[in-house]
Amino acid sequence: MVRQTVLVPDPVPPLPPGLTVEQRIALWGDLLDACDQLLLAGLRRRIGPDGDLRAAYRESLARQREEHDRMLLGMADRFNRRGGRHGG
């Protein structure tokens, strides 16, 4: 039986050819702005029109930092259990 590979399209569209570094940086900034707007819209939807958006944003960032810290501590713990040493 012959196995066929299904090609999955790249979820990230390619950049237009010939962009300068400055144009690439500007596109990156636009992407970050769009992500912020999506985050704020999601928070606004969750807290409603009368909720404190700044407080919700701070809480969201605090949760994200806590999750990130737990992940890093877990990675460090697994590394140490496997006998990893600093500096070789």
PDB file of N, CA and C in Angstrom:
ATOM      1  N   MET A   1       0.843  -1.171   0.000  1.00  0.00           N
ATOM      2  CA  MET A   1       0.000   0.000   0.000  1.00  0.00           C
ATOM      3  C   MET A   1       0.896   1.245   0.000  1.00  0.00           C
ATOM      4  N   VAL A   2       0.579   2.181  -0.846  1.00  0.00           N
ATOM      5  CA  VAL A   2       1.348   3.415  -0.961  1.00  0.00           C
ATOM      6  C   VAL A   2       0.774   4.440   0.008  1.00  0.00           C
ATOM      7  N   ARG A   3       1.657   5.043   0.794  1.00  0.00           N
ATOM      8  CA  ARG A   3       1.213   6.083   1.729  1.00  0.00           C
ATOM      9  C   ARG A   3       1.383   7.437   1.060  1.00  0.00           C
ATOM     10  N   GLN A   4       0.358   8.233   1.131  1.00  0.00           N
ATOM     11  CA  GLN A   4       0.422   9.571   0.556  1.00  0.00           C
ATOM     12  C   GLN A   4       0.561  10.584   1.683  1.00  0.00           C
ATOM     13  N   THR A   5       1.411  11.550   1.460  1.00  0.00           N
ATOM     14  CA  THR A   5       1.594  12.611   2.432  1.00  0.00           C
ATOM     15  C   THR A   5       0.674  13.765   2.076  1.00  0.00           C
ATOM     16  N   VAL A   6      -0.076  14.203   3.057  1.00  0.00           N
ATOM     17  CA  VAL A   6      -0.948  15.353   2.855  1.00  0.00           C
ATOM     18  C   VAL A   6      -0.169  16.590   3.262  1.00  0.00           C
ATOM     19  N   LEU A   7       0.006  17.493   2.340  1.00  0.00           N
ATOM     20  CA  LEU A   7       0.730  18.725   2.628  1.00  0.00           C
ATOM     21  C   LEU A   7      -0.211  19.719   3.284  1.00  0.00           C
ATOM     22  N   VAL A   8       0.214  20.225   4.422  1.00  0.00           N
ATOM     23  CA  VAL A   8      -0.571  21.223   5.137  1.00  0.00           C
ATOM     24  C   VAL A   8      -0.035  22.588   4.744  1.00  0.00           C
ATOM     25  N   PRO A   9      -0.913  23.488   4.301  1.00  0.00           N
ATOM     26  CA  PRO A   9      -0.418  24.811   3.910  1.00  0.00           C
ATOM     27  C   PRO A   9       0.141  25.559   5.114  1.00  0.00           C
ATOM     28  N   ASP A  10       1.149  26.365   4.850  1.00  0.00           N
ATOM     29  CA  ASP A  10       1.752  27.171   5.903  1.00  0.00           C
ATOM     30  C   ASP A  10       0.705  28.154   6.415  1.00  0.00           C
ATOM     31  N   PRO A  11       0.435  28.168   7.738  1.00  0.00           N
ATOM     32  CA  PRO A  11      -0.590  29.075   8.257  1.00  0.00           C
ATOM     33  C   PRO A  11      -0.172  30.541   8.218  1.00  0.00           C
ATOM     34  N   VAL A  12       1.100  30.797   7.970  1.00  0.00           N
ATOM     35  CA  VAL A  12       1.593  32.167   7.928  1.00  0.00           C
ATOM     36  C   VAL A  12       1.819  32.553   6.474  1.00  0.00           C
ATOM     37  N   PRO A  13       1.090  33.559   6.003  1.00  0.00           N
ATOM     38  CA  PRO A  13       1.308  33.959   4.607  1.00  0.00           C
ATOM     39  C   PRO A  13       2.709  34.540   4.430  1.00  0.00           C
ATOM     40  N   PRO A  14       3.297  34.348   3.264  1.00  0.00           N
ATOM     41  CA  PRO A  14       4.647  34.873   3.038  1.00  0.00           C
ATOM     42  C   PRO A  14       4.640  36.396   2.958  1.00  0.00           C
ATOM     43  N   LEU A  15       5.771  36.972   3.302  1.00  0.00           N
ATOM     44  CA  LEU A  15       5.915  38.420   3.167  1.00  0.00           C
ATOM     45  C   LEU A  15       6.042  38.774   1.693  1.00  0.00           C
ATOM     46  N   PRO A  16       5.554  39.938   1.324  1.00  0.00           N
ATOM     47  CA  PRO A  16       5.764  40.370  -0.058  1.00  0.00           C
ATOM     48  C   PRO A  16       7.261  40.479  -0.341  1.00  0.00           C
ATOM     49  N   PRO A  17       7.681  40.118  -1.527  1.00  0.00           N
ATOM     50  CA  PRO A  17       9.115  40.175  -1.840  1.00  0.00           C
ATOM     51  C   PRO A  17       9.623  41.614  -1.907  1.00  0.00           C
ATOM     52  N   GLY A  18      10.899  41.776  -1.584  1.00  0.00           N
ATOM     53  CA  GLY A  18      11.547  43.066  -1.754  1.00  0.00           C
ATOM     54  C   GLY A  18      11.316  44.071  -0.645  1.00  0.00           C
ATOM     55  N   LEU A  19      10.809  43.636   0.514  1.00  0.00           N
ATOM     56  CA  LEU A  19      10.587  44.586   1.601  1.00  0.00           C
ATOM     57  C   LEU A  19      11.912  44.972   2.247  1.00  0.00           C
ATOM     58  N   THR A  20      12.004  46.226   2.634  1.00  0.00           N
ATOM     59  CA  THR A  20      13.185  46.685   3.360  1.00  0.00           C
ATOM     60  C   THR A  20      13.072  46.227   4.813  1.00  0.00           C
ATOM     61  N   VAL A  21      14.166  46.342   5.542  1.00  0.00           N
ATOM     62  CA  VAL A  21      14.148  45.998   6.962  1.00  0.00           C
ATOM     63  C   VAL A  21      13.121  46.858   7.690  1.00  0.00           C
ATOM     64  N   GLU A  22      13.079  48.136   7.363  1.00  0.00           N
ATOM     65  CA  GLU A  22      12.138  49.044   8.007  1.00  0.00           C
ATOM     66  C   GLU A  22      10.695  48.624   7.738  1.00  0.00           C
ATOM     67  N   GLN A  23      10.404  48.199   6.514  1.00  0.00           N
ATOM     68  CA  GLN A  23       9.051  47.757   6.181  1.00  0.00           C
ATOM     69  C   GLN A  23       8.693  46.466   6.918  1.00  0.00           C
ATOM     70  N   ARG A  24       9.649  45.583   7.060  1.00  0.00           N
ATOM     71  CA  ARG A  24       9.408  44.338   7.805  1.00  0.00           C
ATOM     72  C   ARG A  24       9.131  44.640   9.277  1.00  0.00           C
ATOM     73  N   ILE A  25       9.891  45.556   9.834  1.00  0.00           N
ATOM     74  CA  ILE A  25       9.680  45.943  11.232  1.00  0.00           C
ATOM     75  C   ILE A  25       8.312  46.593  11.389  1.00  0.00           C
ATOM     76  N   ALA A  26       7.925  47.431  10.439  1.00  0.00           N
ATOM     77  CA  ALA A  26       6.608  48.067  10.493  1.00  0.00           C
ATOM     78  C   ALA A  26       5.497  47.018  10.430  1.00  0.00           C
ATOM     79  N   LEU A  27       5.654  46.000   9.589  1.00  0.00           N
ATOM     80  CA  LEU A  27       4.661  44.925   9.521  1.00  0.00           C
ATOM     81  C   LEU A  27       4.587  44.168  10.842  1.00  0.00           C
ATOM     82  N   TRP A  28       5.740  43.923  11.458  1.00  0.00           N
ATOM     83  CA  TRP A  28       5.770  43.247  12.751  1.00  0.00           C
ATOM     84  C   TRP A  28       5.024  44.083  13.795  1.00  0.00           C
ATOM     85  N   GLY A  29       5.264  45.389  13.788  1.00  0.00           N
ATOM     86  CA  GLY A  29       4.556  46.282  14.707  1.00  0.00           C
ATOM     87  C   GLY A  29       3.055  46.249  14.477  1.00  0.00           C
ATOM     88  N   ASP A  30       2.639  46.232  13.213  1.00  0.00           N
ATOM     89  CA  ASP A  30       1.213  46.139  12.896  1.00  0.00           C
ATOM     90  C   ASP A  30       0.619  44.840  13.428  1.00  0.00           C
ATOM     91  N   LEU A  31       1.369  43.757  13.311  1.00  0.00           N
ATOM     92  CA  LEU A  31       0.903  42.467  13.815  1.00  0.00           C
ATOM     93  C   LEU A  31       0.747  42.502  15.332  1.00  0.00           C
ATOM     94  N   LEU A  32       1.714  43.084  16.021  1.00  0.00           N
ATOM     95  CA  LEU A  32       1.618  43.203  17.478  1.00  0.00           C
ATOM     96  C   LEU A  32       0.414  44.042  17.879  1.00  0.00           C
ATOM     97  N   ASP A  33       0.186  45.148  17.176  1.00  0.00           N
ATOM     98  CA  ASP A  33      -0.977  45.990  17.462  1.00  0.00           C
ATOM     99  C   ASP A  33      -2.277  45.219  17.261  1.00  0.00           C
ATOM    100  N   ALA A  34      -2.352  44.441  16.185  1.00  0.00           N
ATOM    101  CA  ALA A  34      -3.556  43.653  15.917  1.00  0.00           C
ATOM    102  C   ALA A  34      -3.777  42.615  17.020  1.00  0.00           C
ATOM    103  N   CYS A  35      -2.696  41.980  17.479  1.00  0.00           N
ATOM    104  CA  CYS A  35      -2.816  40.994  18.563  1.00  0.00           C
ATOM    105  C   CYS A  35      -3.306  41.658  19.845  1.00  0.00           C
ATOM    106  N   ASP A  36      -2.779  42.830  20.150  1.00  0.00           N
ATOM    107  CA  ASP A  36      -3.241  43.562  21.332  1.00  0.00           C
ATOM    108  C   ASP A  36      -4.724  43.886  21.228  1.00  0.00           C
ATOM    109  N   GLN A  37      -5.151  44.318  20.055  1.00  0.00           N
ATOM    110  CA  GLN A  37      -6.563  44.647  19.867  1.00  0.00           C
ATOM    111  C   GLN A  37      -7.449  43.420  20.050  1.00  0.00           C
ATOM    112  N   LEU A  38      -6.999  42.269  19.557  1.00  0.00           N
ATOM    113  CA  LEU A  38      -7.766  41.036  19.740  1.00  0.00           C
ATOM    114  C   LEU A  38      -7.838  40.655  21.216  1.00  0.00           C
ATOM    115  N   LEU A  39      -6.719  40.778  21.931  1.00  0.00           N
ATOM    116  CA  LEU A  39      -6.711  40.481  23.357  1.00  0.00           C
ATOM    117  C   LEU A  39      -7.666  41.400  24.105  1.00  0.00           C
ATOM    118  N   LEU A  40      -7.585  42.687  23.825  1.00  0.00           N
ATOM    119  CA  LEU A  40      -8.459  43.645  24.504  1.00  0.00           C
ATOM    120  C   LEU A  40      -9.927  43.398  24.177  1.00  0.00           C
ATOM    121  N   ALA A  41     -10.213  43.043  22.934  1.00  0.00           N
ATOM    122  CA  ALA A  41     -11.601  42.751  22.556  1.00  0.00           C
ATOM    123  C   ALA A  41     -12.108  41.520  23.304  1.00  0.00           C
ATOM    124  N   GLY A  42     -11.255  40.495  23.432  1.00  0.00           N
ATOM    125  CA  GLY A  42     -11.650  39.302  24.177  1.00  0.00           C
ATOM    126  C   GLY A  42     -11.881  39.604  25.648  1.00  0.00           C
ATOM    127  N   LEU A  43     -11.005  40.413  26.234  1.00  0.00           N
ATOM    128  CA  LEU A  43     -11.189  40.797  27.632  1.00  0.00           C
ATOM    129  C   LEU A  43     -12.456  41.621  27.808  1.00  0.00           C
ATOM    130  N   ARG A  44     -12.700  42.538  26.894  1.00  0.00           N
ATOM    131  CA  ARG A  44     -13.900  43.372  26.972  1.00  0.00           C
ATOM    132  C   ARG A  44     -15.148  42.504  26.900  1.00  0.00           C
ATOM    133  N   ARG A  45     -15.120  41.518  26.026  1.00  0.00           N
ATOM    134  CA  ARG A  45     -16.268  40.614  25.899  1.00  0.00           C
ATOM    135  C   ARG A  45     -16.485  39.850  27.204  1.00  0.00           C
ATOM    136  N   ARG A  46     -15.391  39.435  27.830  1.00  0.00           N
ATOM    137  CA  ARG A  46     -15.497  38.663  29.067  1.00  0.00           C
ATOM    138  C   ARG A  46     -16.014  39.507  30.228  1.00  0.00           C
ATOM    139  N   ILE A  47     -15.534  40.753  30.355  1.00  0.00           N
ATOM    140  CA  ILE A  47     -15.889  41.562  31.525  1.00  0.00           C
ATOM    141  C   ILE A  47     -17.115  42.435  31.302  1.00  0.00           C
ATOM    142  N   GLY A  48     -17.518  42.575  30.054  1.00  0.00           N
ATOM    143  CA  GLY A  48     -18.692  43.393  29.758  1.00  0.00           C
ATOM    144  C   GLY A  48     -18.339  44.858  29.594  1.00  0.00           C
ATOM    145  N   PRO A  49     -19.310  45.643  29.145  1.00  0.00           N
ATOM    146  CA  PRO A  49     -19.040  47.050  28.826  1.00  0.00           C
ATOM    147  C   PRO A  49     -18.705  47.908  30.045  1.00  0.00           C
ATOM    148  N   ASP A  50     -19.110  47.477  31.230  1.00  0.00           N
ATOM    149  CA  ASP A  50     -18.870  48.289  32.426  1.00  0.00           C
ATOM    150  C   ASP A  50     -17.690  47.797  33.249  1.00  0.00           C
ATOM    151  N   GLY A  51     -17.029  46.728  32.798  1.00  0.00           N
ATOM    152  CA  GLY A  51     -15.899  46.176  33.548  1.00  0.00           C
ATOM    153  C   GLY A  51     -14.652  47.032  33.408  1.00  0.00           C
ATOM    154  N   ASP A  52     -13.725  46.826  34.318  1.00  0.00           N
ATOM    155  CA  ASP A  52     -12.463  47.568  34.336  1.00  0.00           C
ATOM    156  C   ASP A  52     -11.467  46.867  33.408  1.00  0.00           C
ATOM    157  N   LEU A  53     -11.299  47.417  32.213  1.00  0.00           N
ATOM    158  CA  LEU A  53     -10.445  46.793  31.205  1.00  0.00           C
ATOM    159  C   LEU A  53      -8.983  46.763  31.640  1.00  0.00           C
ATOM    160  N   ARG A  54      -8.512  47.828  32.271  1.00  0.00           N
ATOM    161  CA  ARG A  54      -7.117  47.858  32.732  1.00  0.00           C
ATOM    162  C   ARG A  54      -6.856  46.773  33.773  1.00  0.00           C
ATOM    163  N   ALA A  55      -7.781  46.614  34.702  1.00  0.00           N
ATOM    164  CA  ALA A  55      -7.619  45.582  35.733  1.00  0.00           C
ATOM    165  C   ALA A  55      -7.650  44.196  35.101  1.00  0.00           C
ATOM    166  N   ALA A  56      -8.546  43.984  34.154  1.00  0.00           N
ATOM    167  CA  ALA A  56      -8.635  42.689  33.476  1.00  0.00           C
ATOM    168  C   ALA A  56      -7.349  42.403  32.706  1.00  0.00           C
ATOM    169  N   TYR A  57      -6.778  43.423  32.094  1.00  0.00           N
ATOM    170  CA  TYR A  57      -5.527  43.264  31.349  1.00  0.00           C
ATOM    171  C   TYR A  57      -4.386  42.895  32.300  1.00  0.00           C
ATOM    172  N   ARG A  58      -4.307  43.609  33.434  1.00  0.00           N
ATOM    173  CA  ARG A  58      -3.267  43.310  34.425  1.00  0.00           C
ATOM    174  C   ARG A  58      -3.404  41.879  34.941  1.00  0.00           C
ATOM    175  N   GLU A  59      -4.638  41.457  35.238  1.00  0.00           N
ATOM    176  CA  GLU A  59      -4.871  40.095  35.726  1.00  0.00           C
ATOM    177  C   GLU A  59      -4.478  39.068  34.668  1.00  0.00           C
ATOM    178  N   SER A  60      -4.796  39.358  33.416  1.00  0.00           N
ATOM    179  CA  SER A  60      -4.451  38.449  32.327  1.00  0.00           C
ATOM    180  C   SER A  60      -2.936  38.302  32.214  1.00  0.00           C
ATOM    181  N   LEU A  61      -2.219  39.412  32.283  1.00  0.00           N
ATOM    182  CA  LEU A  61      -0.754  39.363  32.209  1.00  0.00           C
ATOM    183  C   LEU A  61      -0.159  38.639  33.413  1.00  0.00           C
ATOM    184  N   ALA A  62      -0.739  38.860  34.604  1.00  0.00           N
ATOM    185  CA  ALA A  62      -0.240  38.189  35.805  1.00  0.00           C
ATOM    186  C   ALA A  62      -0.424  36.677  35.683  1.00  0.00           C
ATOM    187  N   ARG A  63      -1.590  36.236  35.190  1.00  0.00           N
ATOM    188  CA  ARG A  63      -1.829  34.798  34.991  1.00  0.00           C
ATOM    189  C   ARG A  63      -0.837  34.226  33.985  1.00  0.00           C
ATOM    190  N   GLN A  64      -0.608  34.976  32.918  1.00  0.00           N
ATOM    191  CA  GLN A  64       0.323  34.523  31.885  1.00  0.00           C
ATOM    192  C   GLN A  64       1.740  34.387  32.451  1.00  0.00           C
ATOM    193  N   ARG A  65       2.161  35.351  33.257  1.00  0.00           N
ATOM    194  CA  ARG A  65       3.492  35.286  33.880  1.00  0.00           C
ATOM    195  C   ARG A  65       3.596  34.089  34.823  1.00  0.00           C
ATOM    196  N   GLU A  66       2.541  33.854  35.616  1.00  0.00           N
ATOM    197  CA  GLU A  66       2.552  32.720  36.544  1.00  0.00           C
ATOM    198  C   GLU A  66       2.660  31.398  35.786  1.00  0.00           C
ATOM    199  N   GLU A  67       1.899  31.258  34.707  1.00  0.00           N
ATOM    200  CA  GLU A  67       1.964  30.037  33.899  1.00  0.00           C
ATOM    201  C   GLU A  67       3.367  29.862  33.305  1.00  0.00           C
ATOM    202  N   HIS A  68       3.931  30.949  32.825  1.00  0.00           N
ATOM    203  CA  HIS A  68       5.269  30.905  32.235  1.00  0.00           C
ATOM    204  C   HIS A  68       6.302  30.508  33.287  1.00  0.00           C
ATOM    205  N   ASP A  69       6.199  31.107  34.480  1.00  0.00           N
ATOM    206  CA  ASP A  69       7.133  30.775  35.556  1.00  0.00           C
ATOM    207  C   ASP A  69       7.024  29.305  35.948  1.00  0.00           C
ATOM    208  N   ARG A  70       5.786  28.784  36.056  1.00  0.00           N
ATOM    209  CA  ARG A  70       5.598  27.366  36.389  1.00  0.00           C
ATOM    210  C   ARG A  70       6.235  26.473  35.326  1.00  0.00           C
ATOM    211  N   MET A  71       6.057  26.863  34.060  1.00  0.00           N
ATOM    212  CA  MET A  71       6.640  26.079  32.980  1.00  0.00           C
ATOM    213  C   MET A  71       8.170  26.066  33.092  1.00  0.00           C
ATOM    214  N   LEU A  72       8.777  27.234  33.324  1.00  0.00           N
ATOM    215  CA  LEU A  72      10.233  27.311  33.441  1.00  0.00           C
ATOM    216  C   LEU A  72      10.746  26.525  34.642  1.00  0.00           C
ATOM    217  N   LEU A  73      10.044  26.615  35.772  1.00  0.00           N
ATOM    218  CA  LEU A  73      10.460  25.864  36.953  1.00  0.00           C
ATOM    219  C   LEU A  73      10.369  24.363  36.703  1.00  0.00           C
ATOM    220  N   GLY A  74       9.328  23.943  36.015  1.00  0.00           N
ATOM    221  CA  GLY A  74       9.191  22.526  35.671  1.00  0.00           C
ATOM    222  C   GLY A  74      10.310  22.065  34.754  1.00  0.00           C
ATOM    223  N   MET A  75      10.651  22.888  33.779  1.00  0.00           N
ATOM    224  CA  MET A  75      11.751  22.546  32.870  1.00  0.00           C
ATOM    225  C   MET A  75      13.068  22.448  33.637  1.00  0.00           C
ATOM    226  N   ALA A  76      13.315  23.404  34.534  1.00  0.00           N
ATOM    227  CA  ALA A  76      14.551  23.391  35.320  1.00  0.00           C
ATOM    228  C   ALA A  76      14.595  22.160  36.217  1.00  0.00           C
ATOM    229  N   ASP A  77      13.459  21.813  36.812  1.00  0.00           N
ATOM    230  CA  ASP A  77      13.399  20.636  37.677  1.00  0.00           C
ATOM    231  C   ASP A  77      13.708  19.366  36.888  1.00  0.00           C
ATOM    232  N   ARG A  78      13.099  19.225  35.714  1.00  0.00           N
ATOM    233  CA  ARG A  78      13.365  18.046  34.880  1.00  0.00           C
ATOM    234  C   ARG A  78      14.828  18.003  34.444  1.00  0.00           C
ATOM    235  N   PHE A  79      15.386  19.145  34.115  1.00  0.00           N
ATOM    236  CA  PHE A  79      16.792  19.220  33.723  1.00  0.00           C
ATOM    237  C   PHE A  79      17.692  18.766  34.872  1.00  0.00           C
ATOM    238  N   ASN A  80      17.396  19.262  36.069  1.00  0.00           N
ATOM    239  CA  ASN A  80      18.210  18.913  37.237  1.00  0.00           C
ATOM    240  C   ASN A  80      18.078  17.434  37.593  1.00  0.00           C
ATOM    241  N   ARG A  81      16.888  16.868  37.460  1.00  0.00           N
ATOM    242  CA  ARG A  81      16.692  15.452  37.764  1.00  0.00           C
ATOM    243  C   ARG A  81      17.459  14.565  36.791  1.00  0.00           C
ATOM    244  N   ARG A  82      17.673  15.053  35.585  1.00  0.00           N
ATOM    245  CA  ARG A  82      18.410  14.273  34.587  1.00  0.00           C
ATOM    246  C   ARG A  82      19.912  14.454  34.718  1.00  0.00           C
ATOM    247  N   GLY A  83      20.337  15.207  35.711  1.00  0.00           N
ATOM    248  CA  GLY A  83      21.767  15.353  35.955  1.00  0.00           C
ATOM    249  C   GLY A  83      22.418  16.487  35.201  1.00  0.00           C
ATOM    250  N   GLY A  84      21.644  17.437  34.733  1.00  0.00           N
ATOM    251  CA  GLY A  84      22.219  18.580  34.030  1.00  0.00           C
ATOM    252  C   GLY A  84      23.042  19.430  34.971  1.00  0.00           C
ATOM    253  N   ARG A  85      24.131  19.930  34.469  1.00  0.00           N
ATOM    254  CA  ARG A  85      25.004  20.776  35.281  1.00  0.00           C
ATOM    255  C   ARG A  85      25.282  22.069  34.527  1.00  0.00           C
ATOM    256  N   HIS A  86      25.413  23.131  35.281  1.00  0.00           N
ATOM    257  CA  HIS A  86      25.748  24.424  34.694  1.00  0.00           C
ATOM    258  C   HIS A  86      27.222  24.425  34.290  1.00  0.00           C
ATOM    259  N   GLY A  87      27.494  24.851  33.081  1.00  0.00           N
ATOM    260  CA  GLY A  87      28.877  24.992  32.635  1.00  0.00           C
ATOM    261  C   GLY A  87      29.544  23.701  32.185  1.00  0.00           C
ATOM    262  N   GLY A  88      28.759  22.664  31.965  1.00  0.00           N
ATOM    263  CA  GLY A  88      29.353  21.483  31.368  1.00  0.00           C
ATOM    264  C   GLY A  88      29.599  20.369  32.297  1.00  0.00           C
TER     265      GLY A  88
END
